[in-house]
Amino acid sequence: MILLDSIEILAAVRRSLEAHVLPDLRDDFARVQVQSALKALAEIGDRLENGEPCERSNRKLEAGVRELAESIRSESPAFAASLEAALASPPTDAPPHERARQLGEALWSLVSGNEDPAAARLMALLREEALRTASEDAVWMCGEAIASLT
């Protein structure tokens, strides 16, 4: 195994489970457990290849907020400055999930009860990012496990 990298090891384990274990399982609960494990292995492989999804999401959201701040600077300089302050509020060395939480809270406070038209644009950006993230996360949901709950 030392000749394989982590992605190749995960792929080998997945192939073995899919080819040798899953077909022989007759117990529905055991099948769901293996299918869930296969989904988890796929997600781990994705993280090894593409990095922490939260870091990717943070970069996309931050870029979108920077772009919004720049586009509204002339019509709403105070709101643009608030966006830049929100971007600067989480420490740059904070773990990705903590940075996402802090940035989300800072941005949400800007849209809550704010009548500025730029706040509506920020809200649209936050909705778009939430939908994108949910769509990307949906790939890692195990439909068989969800169906087994009903």
Protein backbone atom coordinates (compact mmCIF):
# COMPACT_ATOMS: atom_id res chain seq x y z
CA MET A 1 0.00 0.00 0.00
CA ILE A 2 2.91 2.40 0.47
CA LEU A 3 3.24 2.57 -3.30
CA LEU A 4 -0.23 4.09 -3.58
CA ASP A 5 -1.23 7.63 -2.74
CA SER A 6 -4.23 8.35 -0.53
CA ILE A 7 -6.63 8.77 -3.44
CA GLU A 8 -5.59 5.42 -4.91
CA ILE A 9 -6.02 3.70 -1.54
CA LEU A 10 -9.53 5.12 -1.16
CA ALA A 11 -10.39 4.07 -4.71
CA ALA A 12 -9.14 0.53 -4.02
CA VAL A 13 -11.21 0.27 -0.83
CA ARG A 14 -14.28 1.59 -2.66
CA ARG A 15 -13.85 -0.87 -5.53
CA SER A 16 -13.45 -3.75 -3.09
CA LEU A 17 -16.56 -2.80 -1.13
CA GLU A 18 -18.58 -2.31 -4.33
CA ALA A 19 -17.37 -5.51 -6.01
CA HIS A 20 -17.01 -7.97 -3.13
CA VAL A 21 -19.03 -6.82 -0.13
CA LEU A 22 -22.09 -4.98 -1.37
CA PRO A 23 -23.31 -7.65 -3.84
CA ASP A 24 -23.24 -10.33 -1.13
CA LEU A 25 -25.12 -8.38 1.52
CA ARG A 26 -28.72 -9.45 1.95
CA ASP A 27 -29.50 -7.44 5.06
CA ASP A 28 -30.97 -4.07 4.03
CA PHE A 29 -29.52 -2.25 7.03
CA ALA A 30 -26.02 -3.58 6.29
CA ARG A 31 -26.39 -2.58 2.62
CA VAL A 32 -27.32 0.97 3.61
CA GLN A 33 -24.34 1.12 5.95
CA VAL A 34 -21.94 0.08 3.18
CA GLN A 35 -23.55 2.47 0.69
CA SER A 36 -23.18 5.30 3.21
CA ALA A 37 -19.55 4.35 3.77
CA LEU A 38 -18.94 4.41 0.01
CA LYS A 39 -20.41 7.91 -0.16
CA ALA A 40 -18.20 9.02 2.74
CA LEU A 41 -15.12 7.58 1.03
CA ALA A 42 -16.01 9.45 -2.16
CA GLU A 43 -16.32 12.70 -0.22
CA ILE A 44 -12.98 12.14 1.50
CA GLY A 45 -11.39 11.51 -1.89
CA ASP A 46 -12.89 14.74 -3.20
CA ARG A 47 -11.51 16.65 -0.22
CA LEU A 48 -8.05 15.15 -0.74
CA GLU A 49 -8.10 16.11 -4.42
CA ASN A 50 -9.86 19.47 -4.24
CA GLY A 51 -9.34 20.73 -0.71
CA GLU A 52 -11.72 21.60 2.10
CA PRO A 53 -15.12 22.51 0.60
CA CYS A 54 -15.65 25.24 3.17
CA GLU A 55 -12.44 26.96 2.08
CA ARG A 56 -13.65 26.85 -1.53
CA SER A 57 -17.02 28.23 -0.51
CA ASN A 58 -15.41 30.99 1.56
CA ARG A 59 -13.27 32.06 -1.40
CA LYS A 60 -16.30 32.21 -3.71
CA LEU A 61 -18.39 34.16 -1.22
CA GLU A 62 -15.57 36.56 -0.42
CA ALA A 63 -14.93 37.18 -4.13
CA GLY A 64 -18.62 37.83 -4.70
CA VAL A 65 -18.80 40.26 -1.78
CA ARG A 66 -15.67 42.09 -2.99
CA GLU A 67 -17.18 42.36 -6.46
CA LEU A 68 -20.45 43.65 -5.00
CA ALA A 69 -18.63 46.20 -2.86
CA GLU A 70 -16.75 47.47 -5.89
CA SER A 71 -19.87 47.66 -8.04
CA ILE A 72 -21.85 49.71 -5.48
CA ARG A 73 -19.05 51.94 -4.25
CA SER A 74 -20.26 55.05 -6.13
CA GLU A 75 -23.98 54.68 -5.38
CA SER A 76 -23.70 53.35 -1.82
CA PRO A 77 -20.25 54.07 -0.37
CA ALA A 78 -21.30 53.41 3.22
CA PHE A 79 -22.67 49.97 2.38
CA ALA A 80 -19.56 49.17 0.32
CA ALA A 81 -17.43 50.09 3.34
CA SER A 82 -19.61 47.87 5.55
CA LEU A 83 -19.06 44.97 3.16
CA GLU A 84 -15.32 45.48 3.27
CA ALA A 85 -15.43 45.65 7.09
CA ALA A 86 -17.42 42.40 7.16
CA LEU A 87 -14.81 40.74 4.94
CA ALA A 88 -12.04 41.93 7.26
CA SER A 89 -13.82 40.93 10.48
CA PRO A 90 -12.97 37.20 10.69
CA PRO A 91 -9.30 36.54 11.45
CA THR A 92 -7.48 35.31 8.35
CA ASP A 93 -6.02 32.41 10.32
CA ALA A 94 -9.42 31.23 11.62
CA PRO A 95 -10.34 27.66 10.64
CA PRO A 96 -12.51 27.59 7.49
CA HIS A 97 -15.77 26.71 9.25
CA GLU A 98 -15.26 29.40 11.89
CA ARG A 99 -14.38 31.95 9.22
CA ALA A 100 -17.54 31.03 7.31
CA ARG A 101 -19.65 31.37 10.45
CA GLN A 102 -18.20 34.76 11.38
CA LEU A 103 -18.41 36.11 7.84
CA GLY A 104 -21.97 34.82 7.48
CA GLU A 105 -23.02 36.51 10.71
CA ALA A 106 -21.37 39.78 9.68
CA LEU A 107 -23.02 39.74 6.25
CA TRP A 108 -26.39 38.71 7.63
CA SER A 109 -26.32 41.64 10.06
CA LEU A 110 -25.92 43.93 7.02
CA VAL A 111 -29.06 42.66 5.31
CA SER A 112 -31.28 42.30 8.37
CA GLY A 113 -33.75 45.16 8.30
CA ASN A 114 -31.63 47.21 5.91
CA GLU A 115 -33.61 49.13 3.27
CA ASP A 116 -30.58 50.05 1.15
CA PRO A 117 -30.97 48.56 -2.37
CA ALA A 118 -27.44 47.22 -2.01
CA ALA A 119 -28.67 45.09 0.90
CA ALA A 120 -31.08 43.37 -1.47
CA ARG A 121 -28.18 42.65 -3.82
CA LEU A 122 -26.20 41.19 -0.91
CA MET A 123 -29.19 39.05 0.05
CA ALA A 124 -29.38 37.75 -3.52
CA LEU A 125 -25.67 36.91 -3.37
CA LEU A 126 -26.14 35.06 -0.05
CA ARG A 127 -29.10 33.10 -1.47
CA GLU A 128 -27.12 32.21 -4.59
CA GLU A 129 -24.19 31.00 -2.49
CA ALA A 130 -26.50 28.97 -0.23
CA LEU A 131 -28.09 27.28 -3.25
CA ARG A 132 -24.69 26.57 -4.82
CA THR A 133 -23.40 25.09 -1.59
CA ALA A 134 -26.53 22.97 -1.12
CA SER A 135 -26.21 21.71 -4.68
CA GLU A 136 -22.57 20.74 -4.16
CA ASP A 137 -23.36 19.11 -0.81
CA ALA A 138 -26.22 17.10 -2.31
CA VAL A 139 -23.69 14.99 -4.21
CA TRP A 140 -22.49 13.54 -0.91
CA MET A 141 -25.92 12.61 0.45
CA CYS A 142 -26.65 8.93 0.47
CA GLY A 143 -30.11 8.53 -1.02
CA GLU A 144 -30.40 4.95 0.23
CA ALA A 145 -29.71 6.06 3.80
CA ILE A 146 -32.29 8.84 3.57
CA ALA A 147 -34.85 6.47 2.07
CA SER A 148 -34.23 3.98 4.87
CA LEU A 149 -35.42 6.55 7.42
CA THR A 150 -38.97 6.52 6.04
